[in-house]
Amino acid sequence: PVMSVSPEDGRMIRLLTEALGAKHAVEIGTST
């Protein structure tokens, strides 16, 4: 857990990504 989000926020990322039907996602700050 190096500067990472909480599991709750991670699950929200997944939920929004899938619901949006995302084809191209961009993240700034990969960490681990």
PDB file of all heavy atoms in Angstrom:
ATOM      1  N   PRO A   1       0.809  -1.221   0.000  1.00  0.00           N
ATOM      2  CA  PRO A   1       0.000   0.000   0.000  1.00  0.00           C
ATOM      3  C   PRO A   1       0.840   1.268   0.000  1.00  0.00           C
ATOM      4  O   PRO A   1       0.955   1.963   1.012  1.00  0.00           O
ATOM      5  CB  PRO A   1      -0.814  -0.135   1.280  1.00  0.00           C
ATOM      6  CG  PRO A   1       0.056  -0.921   2.201  1.00  0.00           C
ATOM      7  CD  PRO A   1       0.815  -1.887   1.324  1.00  0.00           C
ATOM      8  N   VAL A   2       1.447   1.597  -1.117  1.00  0.00           N
ATOM      9  CA  VAL A   2       2.276   2.797  -1.240  1.00  0.00           C
ATOM     10  C   VAL A   2       1.455   3.880  -1.934  1.00  0.00           C
ATOM     11  O   VAL A   2       1.224   3.819  -3.138  1.00  0.00           O
ATOM     12  CB  VAL A   2       3.559   2.514  -2.049  1.00  0.00           C
ATOM     13  CG1 VAL A   2       4.398   3.778  -2.158  1.00  0.00           C
ATOM     14  CG2 VAL A   2       4.359   1.393  -1.408  1.00  0.00           C
ATOM     15  N   MET A   3       0.982   4.853  -1.157  1.00  0.00           N
ATOM     16  CA  MET A   3       0.214   5.967  -1.710  1.00  0.00           C
ATOM     17  C   MET A   3      -0.936   5.479  -2.584  1.00  0.00           C
ATOM     18  O   MET A   3      -1.186   6.000  -3.670  1.00  0.00           O
ATOM     19  CB  MET A   3       1.129   6.915  -2.501  1.00  0.00           C
ATOM     20  CG  MET A   3       2.193   7.579  -1.662  1.00  0.00           C
ATOM     21  SD  MET A   3       3.187   8.770  -2.583  1.00  0.00           S
ATOM     22  CE  MET A   3       4.105   7.657  -3.652  1.00  0.00           C
ATOM     23  N   SER A   4      -1.639   4.450  -2.130  1.00  0.00           N
ATOM     24  CA  SER A   4      -2.713   3.878  -2.935  1.00  0.00           C
ATOM     25  C   SER A   4      -4.078   4.276  -2.377  1.00  0.00           C
ATOM     26  O   SER A   4      -4.195   4.745  -1.249  1.00  0.00           O
ATOM     27  CB  SER A   4      -2.590   2.356  -2.979  1.00  0.00           C
ATOM     28  OG  SER A   4      -2.630   1.814  -1.684  1.00  0.00           O
ATOM     29  N   VAL A   5      -5.103   4.060  -3.165  1.00  0.00           N
ATOM     30  CA  VAL A   5      -6.461   4.370  -2.744  1.00  0.00           C
ATOM     31  C   VAL A   5      -6.965   3.306  -1.787  1.00  0.00           C
ATOM     32  O   VAL A   5      -6.369   2.239  -1.644  1.00  0.00           O
ATOM     33  CB  VAL A   5      -7.400   4.468  -3.967  1.00  0.00           C
ATOM     34  CG1 VAL A   5      -6.929   5.543  -4.936  1.00  0.00           C
ATOM     35  CG2 VAL A   5      -7.524   3.115  -4.677  1.00  0.00           C
ATOM     36  N   SER A   6      -8.088   3.573  -1.164  1.00  0.00           N
ATOM     37  CA  SER A   6      -8.733   2.579  -0.312  1.00  0.00           C
ATOM     38  C   SER A   6      -9.448   1.553  -1.185  1.00  0.00           C
ATOM     39  O   SER A   6      -9.736   1.812  -2.363  1.00  0.00           O
ATOM     40  CB  SER A   6      -9.754   3.261   0.601  1.00  0.00           C
ATOM     41  OG  SER A   6     -10.840   3.754  -0.177  1.00  0.00           O
ATOM     42  N   PRO A   7      -9.767   0.387  -0.645  1.00  0.00           N
ATOM     43  CA  PRO A   7     -10.554  -0.584  -1.414  1.00  0.00           C
ATOM     44  C   PRO A   7     -11.886  -0.002  -1.869  1.00  0.00           C
ATOM     45  O   PRO A   7     -12.348  -0.301  -2.974  1.00  0.00           O
ATOM     46  CB  PRO A   7     -10.745  -1.737  -0.423  1.00  0.00           C
ATOM     47  CG  PRO A   7      -9.571  -1.652   0.487  1.00  0.00           C
ATOM     48  CD  PRO A   7      -9.323  -0.174   0.650  1.00  0.00           C
ATOM     49  N   GLU A   8     -12.510   0.824  -1.024  1.00  0.00           N
ATOM     50  CA  GLU A   8     -13.782   1.441  -1.403  1.00  0.00           C
ATOM     51  C   GLU A   8     -13.632   2.293  -2.657  1.00  0.00           C
ATOM     52  O   GLU A   8     -14.445   2.212  -3.582  1.00  0.00           O
ATOM     53  CB  GLU A   8     -14.332   2.292  -0.254  1.00  0.00           C
ATOM     54  CG  GLU A   8     -14.825   1.505   0.939  1.00  0.00           C
ATOM     55  CD  GLU A   8     -13.715   1.082   1.893  1.00  0.00           C
ATOM     56  OE1 GLU A   8     -12.527   1.349   1.628  1.00  0.00           O
ATOM     57  OE2 GLU A   8     -14.039   0.482   2.927  1.00  0.00           O
ATOM     58  N   ASP A   9     -12.586   3.119  -2.680  1.00  0.00           N
ATOM     59  CA  ASP A   9     -12.369   3.962  -3.857  1.00  0.00           C
ATOM     60  C   ASP A   9     -11.976   3.128  -5.066  1.00  0.00           C
ATOM     61  O   ASP A   9     -12.344   3.438  -6.206  1.00  0.00           O
ATOM     62  CB  ASP A   9     -11.296   5.014  -3.568  1.00  0.00           C
ATOM     63  CG  ASP A   9     -11.792   6.114  -2.643  1.00  0.00           C
ATOM     64  OD1 ASP A   9     -13.021   6.258  -2.504  1.00  0.00           O
ATOM     65  OD2 ASP A   9     -10.960   6.830  -2.050  1.00  0.00           O
ATOM     66  N   GLY A  10     -11.219   2.050  -4.832  1.00  0.00           N
ATOM     67  CA  GLY A  10     -10.879   1.152  -5.926  1.00  0.00           C
ATOM     68  C   GLY A  10     -12.113   0.529  -6.550  1.00  0.00           C
ATOM     69  O   GLY A  10     -12.245   0.453  -7.778  1.00  0.00           O
ATOM     70  N   ARG A  11     -13.022   0.113  -5.718  1.00  0.00           N
ATOM     71  CA  ARG A  11     -14.250  -0.501  -6.223  1.00  0.00           C
ATOM     72  C   ARG A  11     -15.090   0.512  -7.005  1.00  0.00           C
ATOM     73  O   ARG A  11     -15.746   0.173  -7.997  1.00  0.00           O
ATOM     74  CB  ARG A  11     -15.052  -1.093  -5.069  1.00  0.00           C
ATOM     75  CG  ARG A  11     -14.354  -2.255  -4.396  1.00  0.00           C
ATOM     76  CD  ARG A  11     -15.122  -2.765  -3.194  1.00  0.00           C
ATOM     77  NE  ARG A  11     -16.226  -3.615  -3.592  1.00  0.00           N
ATOM     78  CZ  ARG A  11     -17.004  -4.241  -2.710  1.00  0.00           C
ATOM     79  NH1 ARG A  11     -16.804  -4.086  -1.416  1.00  0.00           N
ATOM     80  NH2 ARG A  11     -17.992  -5.001  -3.130  1.00  0.00           N
ATOM     81  N   MET A  12     -15.061   1.760  -6.555  1.00  0.00           N
ATOM     82  CA  MET A  12     -15.784   2.791  -7.284  1.00  0.00           C
ATOM     83  C   MET A  12     -15.163   3.019  -8.664  1.00  0.00           C
ATOM     84  O   MET A  12     -15.876   3.205  -9.653  1.00  0.00           O
ATOM     85  CB  MET A  12     -15.813   4.109  -6.507  1.00  0.00           C
ATOM     86  CG  MET A  12     -16.639   5.187  -7.198  1.00  0.00           C
ATOM     87  SD  MET A  12     -16.808   6.687  -6.224  1.00  0.00           S
ATOM     88  CE  MET A  12     -15.118   7.272  -6.265  1.00  0.00           C
ATOM     89  N   ILE A  13     -13.829   2.987  -8.732  1.00  0.00           N
ATOM     90  CA  ILE A  13     -13.146   3.112 -10.024  1.00  0.00           C
ATOM     91  C   ILE A  13     -13.607   2.010 -10.965  1.00  0.00           C
ATOM     92  O   ILE A  13     -13.936   2.262 -12.132  1.00  0.00           O
ATOM     93  CB  ILE A  13     -11.619   3.061  -9.833  1.00  0.00           C
ATOM     94  CG1 ILE A  13     -11.119   4.363  -9.178  1.00  0.00           C
ATOM     95  CG2 ILE A  13     -10.912   2.834 -11.165  1.00  0.00           C
ATOM     96  CD1 ILE A  13      -9.677   4.311  -8.731  1.00  0.00           C
ATOM     97  N   ARG A  14     -13.635   0.802 -10.468  1.00  0.00           N
ATOM     98  CA  ARG A  14     -14.072  -0.329 -11.300  1.00  0.00           C
ATOM     99  C   ARG A  14     -15.526  -0.144 -11.738  1.00  0.00           C
ATOM    100  O   ARG A  14     -15.867  -0.344 -12.922  1.00  0.00           O
ATOM    101  CB  ARG A  14     -13.916  -1.637 -10.514  1.00  0.00           C
ATOM    102  CG  ARG A  14     -14.238  -2.897 -11.314  1.00  0.00           C
ATOM    103  CD  ARG A  14     -15.646  -3.403 -11.105  1.00  0.00           C
ATOM    104  NE  ARG A  14     -15.940  -4.555 -11.959  1.00  0.00           N
ATOM    105  CZ  ARG A  14     -15.748  -5.814 -11.610  1.00  0.00           C
ATOM    106  NH1 ARG A  14     -15.275  -6.106 -10.411  1.00  0.00           N
ATOM    107  NH2 ARG A  14     -16.054  -6.788 -12.445  1.00  0.00           N
ATOM    108  N   LEU A  15     -16.389   0.223 -10.790  1.00  0.00           N
ATOM    109  CA  LEU A  15     -17.804   0.377 -11.072  1.00  0.00           C
ATOM    110  C   LEU A  15     -18.036   1.422 -12.157  1.00  0.00           C
ATOM    111  O   LEU A  15     -18.761   1.189 -13.131  1.00  0.00           O
ATOM    112  CB  LEU A  15     -18.538   0.767  -9.781  1.00  0.00           C
ATOM    113  CG  LEU A  15     -20.060   0.853  -9.790  1.00  0.00           C
ATOM    114  CD1 LEU A  15     -20.591   0.579  -8.384  1.00  0.00           C
ATOM    115  CD2 LEU A  15     -20.546   2.223 -10.257  1.00  0.00           C
ATOM    116  N   LEU A  16     -17.395   2.585 -12.022  1.00  0.00           N
ATOM    117  CA  LEU A  16     -17.595   3.664 -12.991  1.00  0.00           C
ATOM    118  C   LEU A  16     -17.000   3.311 -14.352  1.00  0.00           C
ATOM    119  O   LEU A  16     -17.590   3.612 -15.394  1.00  0.00           O
ATOM    120  CB  LEU A  16     -16.973   4.960 -12.466  1.00  0.00           C
ATOM    121  CG  LEU A  16     -17.643   5.566 -11.231  1.00  0.00           C
ATOM    122  CD1 LEU A  16     -16.847   6.771 -10.735  1.00  0.00           C
ATOM    123  CD2 LEU A  16     -19.080   5.979 -11.538  1.00  0.00           C
ATOM    124  N   THR A  17     -15.844   2.664 -14.344  1.00  0.00           N
ATOM    125  CA  THR A  17     -15.189   2.276 -15.595  1.00  0.00           C
ATOM    126  C   THR A  17     -16.049   1.318 -16.388  1.00  0.00           C
ATOM    127  O   THR A  17     -16.257   1.487 -17.605  1.00  0.00           O
ATOM    128  CB  THR A  17     -13.822   1.634 -15.309  1.00  0.00           C
ATOM    129  OG1 THR A  17     -12.993   2.580 -14.633  1.00  0.00           O
ATOM    130  CG2 THR A  17     -13.134   1.189 -16.582  1.00  0.00           C
ATOM    131  N   GLU A  18     -16.567   0.320 -15.712  1.00  0.00           N
ATOM    132  CA  GLU A  18     -17.379  -0.677 -16.402  1.00  0.00           C
ATOM    133  C   GLU A  18     -18.727  -0.104 -16.813  1.00  0.00           C
ATOM    134  O   GLU A  18     -19.201  -0.351 -17.933  1.00  0.00           O
ATOM    135  CB  GLU A  18     -17.561  -1.906 -15.516  1.00  0.00           C
ATOM    136  CG  GLU A  18     -18.175  -3.084 -16.229  1.00  0.00           C
ATOM    137  CD  GLU A  18     -18.020  -4.390 -15.466  1.00  0.00           C
ATOM    138  OE1 GLU A  18     -17.078  -4.511 -14.672  1.00  0.00           O
ATOM    139  OE2 GLU A  18     -18.859  -5.287 -15.692  1.00  0.00           O
ATOM    140  N   ALA A  19     -19.363   0.677 -15.932  1.00  0.00           N
ATOM    141  CA  ALA A  19     -20.662   1.261 -16.249  1.00  0.00           C
ATOM    142  C   ALA A  19     -20.569   2.226 -17.427  1.00  0.00           C
ATOM    143  O   ALA A  19     -21.496   2.342 -18.229  1.00  0.00           O
ATOM    144  CB  ALA A  19     -21.223   1.983 -15.031  1.00  0.00           C
ATOM    145  N   LEU A  20     -19.433   2.905 -17.536  1.00  0.00           N
ATOM    146  CA  LEU A  20     -19.207   3.863 -18.614  1.00  0.00           C
ATOM    147  C   LEU A  20     -18.916   3.181 -19.947  1.00  0.00           C
ATOM    148  O   LEU A  20     -18.983   3.804 -21.002  1.00  0.00           O
ATOM    149  CB  LEU A  20     -18.039   4.767 -18.230  1.00  0.00           C
ATOM    150  CG  LEU A  20     -17.827   6.088 -18.953  1.00  0.00           C
ATOM    151  CD1 LEU A  20     -19.026   7.017 -18.748  1.00  0.00           C
ATOM    152  CD2 LEU A  20     -16.557   6.769 -18.454  1.00  0.00           C
ATOM    153  N   GLY A  21     -18.589   1.894 -19.876  1.00  0.00           N
ATOM    154  CA  GLY A  21     -18.192   1.182 -21.090  1.00  0.00           C
ATOM    155  C   GLY A  21     -16.872   1.694 -21.628  1.00  0.00           C
ATOM    156  O   GLY A  21     -16.646   1.740 -22.842  1.00  0.00           O
ATOM    157  N   ALA A  22     -15.981   2.071 -20.712  1.00  0.00           N
ATOM    158  CA  ALA A  22     -14.736   2.746 -21.094  1.00  0.00           C
ATOM    159  C   ALA A  22     -13.855   1.882 -21.986  1.00  0.00           C
ATOM    160  O   ALA A  22     -13.644   0.706 -21.718  1.00  0.00           O
ATOM    161  CB  ALA A  22     -13.961   3.145 -19.842  1.00  0.00           C
ATOM    162  N   LYS A  23     -13.336   2.494 -23.034  1.00  0.00           N
ATOM    163  CA  LYS A  23     -12.373   1.854 -23.920  1.00  0.00           C
ATOM    164  C   LYS A  23     -10.963   2.378 -23.683  1.00  0.00           C
ATOM    165  O   LYS A  23      -9.986   1.678 -23.941  1.00  0.00           O
ATOM    166  CB  LYS A  23     -12.761   2.101 -25.383  1.00  0.00           C
ATOM    167  CG  LYS A  23     -14.079   1.489 -25.792  1.00  0.00           C
ATOM    168  CD  LYS A  23     -14.047  -0.028 -25.713  1.00  0.00           C
ATOM    169  CE  LYS A  23     -15.337  -0.633 -26.250  1.00  0.00           C
ATOM    170  NZ  LYS A  23     -15.343  -2.108 -26.154  1.00  0.00           N
ATOM    171  N   HIS A  24     -10.851   3.632 -23.206  1.00  0.00           N
ATOM    172  CA  HIS A  24      -9.543   4.230 -22.961  1.00  0.00           C
ATOM    173  C   HIS A  24      -9.571   4.945 -21.624  1.00  0.00           C
ATOM    174  O   HIS A  24     -10.275   5.939 -21.442  1.00  0.00           O
ATOM    175  CB  HIS A  24      -9.185   5.220 -24.072  1.00  0.00           C
ATOM    176  CG  HIS A  24      -7.799   5.760 -23.979  1.00  0.00           C
ATOM    177  ND1 HIS A  24      -7.358   6.846 -24.701  1.00  0.00           N
ATOM    178  CD2 HIS A  24      -6.730   5.354 -23.221  1.00  0.00           C
ATOM    179  CE1 HIS A  24      -6.096   7.091 -24.410  1.00  0.00           C
ATOM    180  NE2 HIS A  24      -5.693   6.198 -23.513  1.00  0.00           N
ATOM    181  N   ALA A  25      -8.834   4.401 -20.677  1.00  0.00           N
ATOM    182  CA  ALA A  25      -8.705   4.996 -19.351  1.00  0.00           C
ATOM    183  C   ALA A  25      -7.286   5.527 -19.180  1.00  0.00           C
ATOM    184  O   ALA A  25      -6.328   4.922 -19.674  1.00  0.00           O
ATOM    185  CB  ALA A  25      -9.014   3.963 -18.272  1.00  0.00           C
ATOM    186  N   VAL A  26      -7.168   6.651 -18.482  1.00  0.00           N
ATOM    187  CA  VAL A  26      -5.863   7.256 -18.227  1.00  0.00           C
ATOM    188  C   VAL A  26      -5.729   7.509 -16.734  1.00  0.00           C
ATOM    189  O   VAL A  26      -6.634   8.075 -16.107  1.00  0.00           O
ATOM    190  CB  VAL A  26      -5.692   8.583 -19.002  1.00  0.00           C
ATOM    191  CG1 VAL A  26      -4.423   9.306 -18.571  1.00  0.00           C
ATOM    192  CG2 VAL A  26      -5.670   8.316 -20.502  1.00  0.00           C
ATOM    193  N   GLU A  27      -4.597   7.087 -16.174  1.00  0.00           N
ATOM    194  CA  GLU A  27      -4.316   7.283 -14.753  1.00  0.00           C
ATOM    195  C   GLU A  27      -3.024   8.068 -14.603  1.00  0.00           C
ATOM    196  O   GLU A  27      -2.029   7.760 -15.251  1.00  0.00           O
ATOM    197  CB  GLU A  27      -4.189   5.923 -14.058  1.00  0.00           C
ATOM    198  CG  GLU A  27      -3.835   6.020 -12.585  1.00  0.00           C
ATOM    199  CD  GLU A  27      -3.679   4.648 -11.944  1.00  0.00           C
ATOM    200  OE1 GLU A  27      -2.968   3.791 -12.528  1.00  0.00           O
ATOM    201  OE2 GLU A  27      -4.262   4.431 -10.877  1.00  0.00           O
ATOM    202  N   ILE A  28      -3.049   9.069 -13.731  1.00  0.00           N
ATOM    203  CA  ILE A  28      -1.849   9.827 -13.408  1.00  0.00           C
ATOM    204  C   ILE A  28      -1.456   9.475 -11.974  1.00  0.00           C
ATOM    205  O   ILE A  28      -2.138   9.848 -11.019  1.00  0.00           O
ATOM    206  CB  ILE A  28      -2.078  11.352 -13.522  1.00  0.00           C
ATOM    207  CG1 ILE A  28      -2.745  11.704 -14.860  1.00  0.00           C
ATOM    208  CG2 ILE A  28      -0.763  12.091 -13.348  1.00  0.00           C
ATOM    209  CD1 ILE A  28      -1.955  11.323 -16.070  1.00  0.00           C
ATOM    210  N   GLY A  29      -0.386   8.713 -11.824  1.00  0.00           N
ATOM    211  CA  GLY A  29       0.054   8.256 -10.515  1.00  0.00           C
ATOM    212  C   GLY A  29      -0.201   6.772 -10.338  1.00  0.00           C
ATOM    213  O   GLY A  29      -1.103   6.353  -9.616  1.00  0.00           O
ATOM    214  N   THR A  30       0.600   5.947 -10.992  1.00  0.00           N
ATOM    215  CA  THR A  30       0.435   4.489 -10.941  1.00  0.00           C
ATOM    216  C   THR A  30       0.712   3.929  -9.560  1.00  0.00           C
ATOM    217  O   THR A  30       0.030   3.013  -9.103  1.00  0.00           O
ATOM    218  CB  THR A  30       1.417   3.810 -11.923  1.00  0.00           C
ATOM    219  OG1 THR A  30       1.370   4.462 -13.175  1.00  0.00           O
ATOM    220  CG2 THR A  30       1.109   2.335 -12.065  1.00  0.00           C
ATOM    221  N   SER A  31       1.741   4.473  -8.896  1.00  0.00           N
ATOM    222  CA  SER A  31       2.289   3.911  -7.667  1.00  0.00           C
ATOM    223  C   SER A  31       2.638   2.448  -7.920  1.00  0.00           C
ATOM    224  O   SER A  31       3.268   2.126  -8.914  1.00  0.00           O
ATOM    225  CB  SER A  31       1.324   4.091  -6.492  1.00  0.00           C
ATOM    226  OG  SER A  31       1.952   3.713  -5.286  1.00  0.00           O
ATOM    227  N   THR A  32       2.194   1.530  -7.078  1.00  0.00           N
ATOM    228  CA  THR A  32       2.549   0.119  -7.254  1.00  0.00           C
ATOM    229  C   THR A  32       1.463  -0.674  -7.979  1.00  0.00           C
ATOM    230  O   THR A  32       1.504  -1.897  -8.021  1.00  0.00           O
ATOM    231  CB  THR A  32       2.853  -0.529  -5.893  1.00  0.00           C
ATOM    232  OG1 THR A  32       1.765  -0.272  -4.992  1.00  0.00           O
ATOM    233  CG2 THR A  32       4.132   0.043  -5.294  1.00  0.00           C
TER     234      THR A  32
END
